[in-house]
Amino acid sequence: MPLTIKVRKDGPYAVDLATGEFTLIDHDGNVIPLPELKPGKTTITLCRCGASTRKPFCDGTHSKIGFKGAEEAQREFDAPQPPGTPR
């Protein structure tokens, strides 16, 4: 079964380690150790908002800062605005 990475709505990338091997490499080609999983868990989450203090892993900051995924941000930008409303 192939490795599965799920893009969570307005949240991190969820990598299901139960579906395959996974190696995370930094920009210099160094292996980044994966966090220890809690018993029964098979998923790690990768930061998508850029604000995590545990990069490249998610620490939940996206929910505190109101991060919007690209799809949601585009919908909000394209939505009709009252005249004079700054974007």
C-alpha atoms as a PDB file:
ATOM      1  CA  MET A   1       0.000   0.000   0.000  1.00  0.00           C
ATOM      2  CA  PRO A   2       1.430   3.449  -0.859  1.00  0.00           C
ATOM      3  CA  LEU A   3       2.319   6.033   1.749  1.00  0.00           C
ATOM      4  CA  THR A   4      -0.645   8.305   2.494  1.00  0.00           C
ATOM      5  CA  ILE A   5      -0.316  12.044   3.179  1.00  0.00           C
ATOM      6  CA  LYS A   6      -3.547  13.862   3.968  1.00  0.00           C
ATOM      7  CA  VAL A   7      -3.852  17.636   3.696  1.00  0.00           C
ATOM      8  CA  ARG A   8      -6.000  18.621   6.665  1.00  0.00           C
ATOM      9  CA  LYS A   9      -8.350  21.566   6.200  1.00  0.00           C
ATOM     10  CA  ASP A  10      -6.579  24.673   7.531  1.00  0.00           C
ATOM     11  CA  GLY A  11      -4.110  22.410   9.340  1.00  0.00           C
ATOM     12  CA  PRO A  12      -1.015  20.276   8.911  1.00  0.00           C
ATOM     13  CA  TYR A  13      -0.086  17.510   6.520  1.00  0.00           C
ATOM     14  CA  ALA A  14      -0.890  14.187   8.212  1.00  0.00           C
ATOM     15  CA  VAL A  15       1.482  11.361   7.270  1.00  0.00           C
ATOM     16  CA  ASP A  16       0.138   7.871   7.949  1.00  0.00           C
ATOM     17  CA  LEU A  17       3.218   5.790   8.726  1.00  0.00           C
ATOM     18  CA  ALA A  18       1.167   2.572   8.776  1.00  0.00           C
ATOM     19  CA  THR A  19       0.886   2.652   4.981  1.00  0.00           C
ATOM     20  CA  GLY A  20       4.583   2.650   4.149  1.00  0.00           C
ATOM     21  CA  GLU A  21       8.124   3.638   4.928  1.00  0.00           C
ATOM     22  CA  PHE A  22       8.843   7.331   5.344  1.00  0.00           C
ATOM     23  CA  THR A  23      12.130   9.211   5.538  1.00  0.00           C
ATOM     24  CA  LEU A  24      12.161  12.958   6.134  1.00  0.00           C
ATOM     25  CA  ILE A  25      15.181  14.781   4.701  1.00  0.00           C
ATOM     26  CA  ASP A  26      16.227  18.408   5.316  1.00  0.00           C
ATOM     27  CA  HIS A  27      17.522  20.833   2.667  1.00  0.00           C
ATOM     28  CA  ASP A  28      21.094  19.560   3.153  1.00  0.00           C
ATOM     29  CA  GLY A  29      20.126  15.911   2.701  1.00  0.00           C
ATOM     30  CA  ASN A  30      20.266  15.043   6.414  1.00  0.00           C
ATOM     31  CA  VAL A  31      17.700  12.643   7.840  1.00  0.00           C
ATOM     32  CA  ILE A  32      15.324  14.320  10.316  1.00  0.00           C
ATOM     33  CA  PRO A  33      14.409  11.895  13.111  1.00  0.00           C
ATOM     34  CA  LEU A  34      10.673  11.315  13.380  1.00  0.00           C
ATOM     35  CA  PRO A  35       8.976  12.035  16.694  1.00  0.00           C
ATOM     36  CA  GLU A  36       8.164   9.118  18.945  1.00  0.00           C
ATOM     37  CA  LEU A  37       4.583   8.024  18.433  1.00  0.00           C
ATOM     38  CA  LYS A  38       2.177   7.393  21.289  1.00  0.00           C
ATOM     39  CA  PRO A  39       1.004   3.780  21.588  1.00  0.00           C
ATOM     40  CA  GLY A  40      -1.641   2.987  18.977  1.00  0.00           C
ATOM     41  CA  LYS A  41      -0.840   6.068  16.863  1.00  0.00           C
ATOM     42  CA  THR A  42       0.524   5.771  13.328  1.00  0.00           C
ATOM     43  CA  THR A  43       0.349   9.389  12.148  1.00  0.00           C
ATOM     44  CA  ILE A  44       2.792  12.278  12.348  1.00  0.00           C
ATOM     45  CA  THR A  45       1.857  15.818  11.330  1.00  0.00           C
ATOM     46  CA  LEU A  46       4.010  18.221   9.340  1.00  0.00           C
ATOM     47  CA  CYS A  47       3.605  21.986   9.747  1.00  0.00           C
ATOM     48  CA  ARG A  48       1.949  23.791   6.866  1.00  0.00           C
ATOM     49  CA  CYS A  49       1.433  27.239   8.430  1.00  0.00           C
ATOM     50  CA  GLY A  50       5.111  27.973   9.086  1.00  0.00           C
ATOM     51  CA  ALA A  51       4.562  29.049  12.693  1.00  0.00           C
ATOM     52  CA  SER A  52       5.306  25.815  14.566  1.00  0.00           C
ATOM     53  CA  THR A  53       8.066  25.906  17.171  1.00  0.00           C
ATOM     54  CA  ARG A  54       8.746  22.227  16.364  1.00  0.00           C
ATOM     55  CA  LYS A  55       9.292  22.601  12.587  1.00  0.00           C
ATOM     56  CA  PRO A  56       8.999  20.635  10.441  1.00  0.00           C
ATOM     57  CA  PHE A  57       6.455  19.022  12.784  1.00  0.00           C
ATOM     58  CA  CYS A  58       3.133  20.577  13.773  1.00  0.00           C
ATOM     59  CA  ASP A  59       2.643  21.890  17.309  1.00  0.00           C
ATOM     60  CA  GLY A  60      -0.947  23.141  16.878  1.00  0.00           C
ATOM     61  CA  THR A  61      -0.020  26.812  16.394  1.00  0.00           C
ATOM     62  CA  HIS A  62      -2.071  26.942  13.164  1.00  0.00           C
ATOM     63  CA  SER A  63      -5.278  26.933  15.180  1.00  0.00           C
ATOM     64  CA  LYS A  64      -4.044  29.747  17.465  1.00  0.00           C
ATOM     65  CA  ILE A  65      -3.057  32.042  14.582  1.00  0.00           C
ATOM     66  CA  GLY A  66      -6.109  31.365  12.402  1.00  0.00           C
ATOM     67  CA  PHE A  67      -4.153  29.740   9.579  1.00  0.00           C
ATOM     68  CA  LYS A  68      -6.142  29.235   6.401  1.00  0.00           C
ATOM     69  CA  GLY A  69      -5.078  26.663   3.825  1.00  0.00           C
ATOM     70  CA  ALA A  70      -4.571  27.954   0.295  1.00  0.00           C
ATOM     71  CA  GLU A  71      -7.990  26.735  -0.825  1.00  0.00           C
ATOM     72  CA  GLU A  72      -9.853  28.507   1.993  1.00  0.00           C
ATOM     73  CA  ALA A  73      -7.745  31.658   1.704  1.00  0.00           C
ATOM     74  CA  GLN A  74      -8.490  31.856  -2.038  1.00  0.00           C
ATOM     75  CA  ARG A  75     -12.246  31.425  -1.446  1.00  0.00           C
ATOM     76  CA  GLU A  76     -12.180  34.238   1.131  1.00  0.00           C
ATOM     77  CA  PHE A  77     -10.168  36.490  -1.170  1.00  0.00           C
ATOM     78  CA  ASP A  78     -12.533  35.851  -4.089  1.00  0.00           C
ATOM     79  CA  ALA A  79     -15.675  36.425  -2.006  1.00  0.00           C
ATOM     80  CA  PRO A  80     -17.559  39.686  -2.694  1.00  0.00           C
ATOM     81  CA  GLN A  81     -16.486  42.489  -0.344  1.00  0.00           C
ATOM     82  CA  PRO A  82     -18.409  45.598   0.629  1.00  0.00           C
ATOM     83  CA  PRO A  83     -17.111  48.722  -1.155  1.00  0.00           C
ATOM     84  CA  GLY A  84     -14.134  50.282   0.593  1.00  0.00           C
ATOM     85  CA  THR A  85     -13.154  47.066   2.444  1.00  0.00           C
ATOM     86  CA  PRO A  86      -9.364  46.582   2.354  1.00  0.00           C
ATOM     87  CA  ARG A  87      -8.027  43.158   1.366  1.00  0.00           C
END
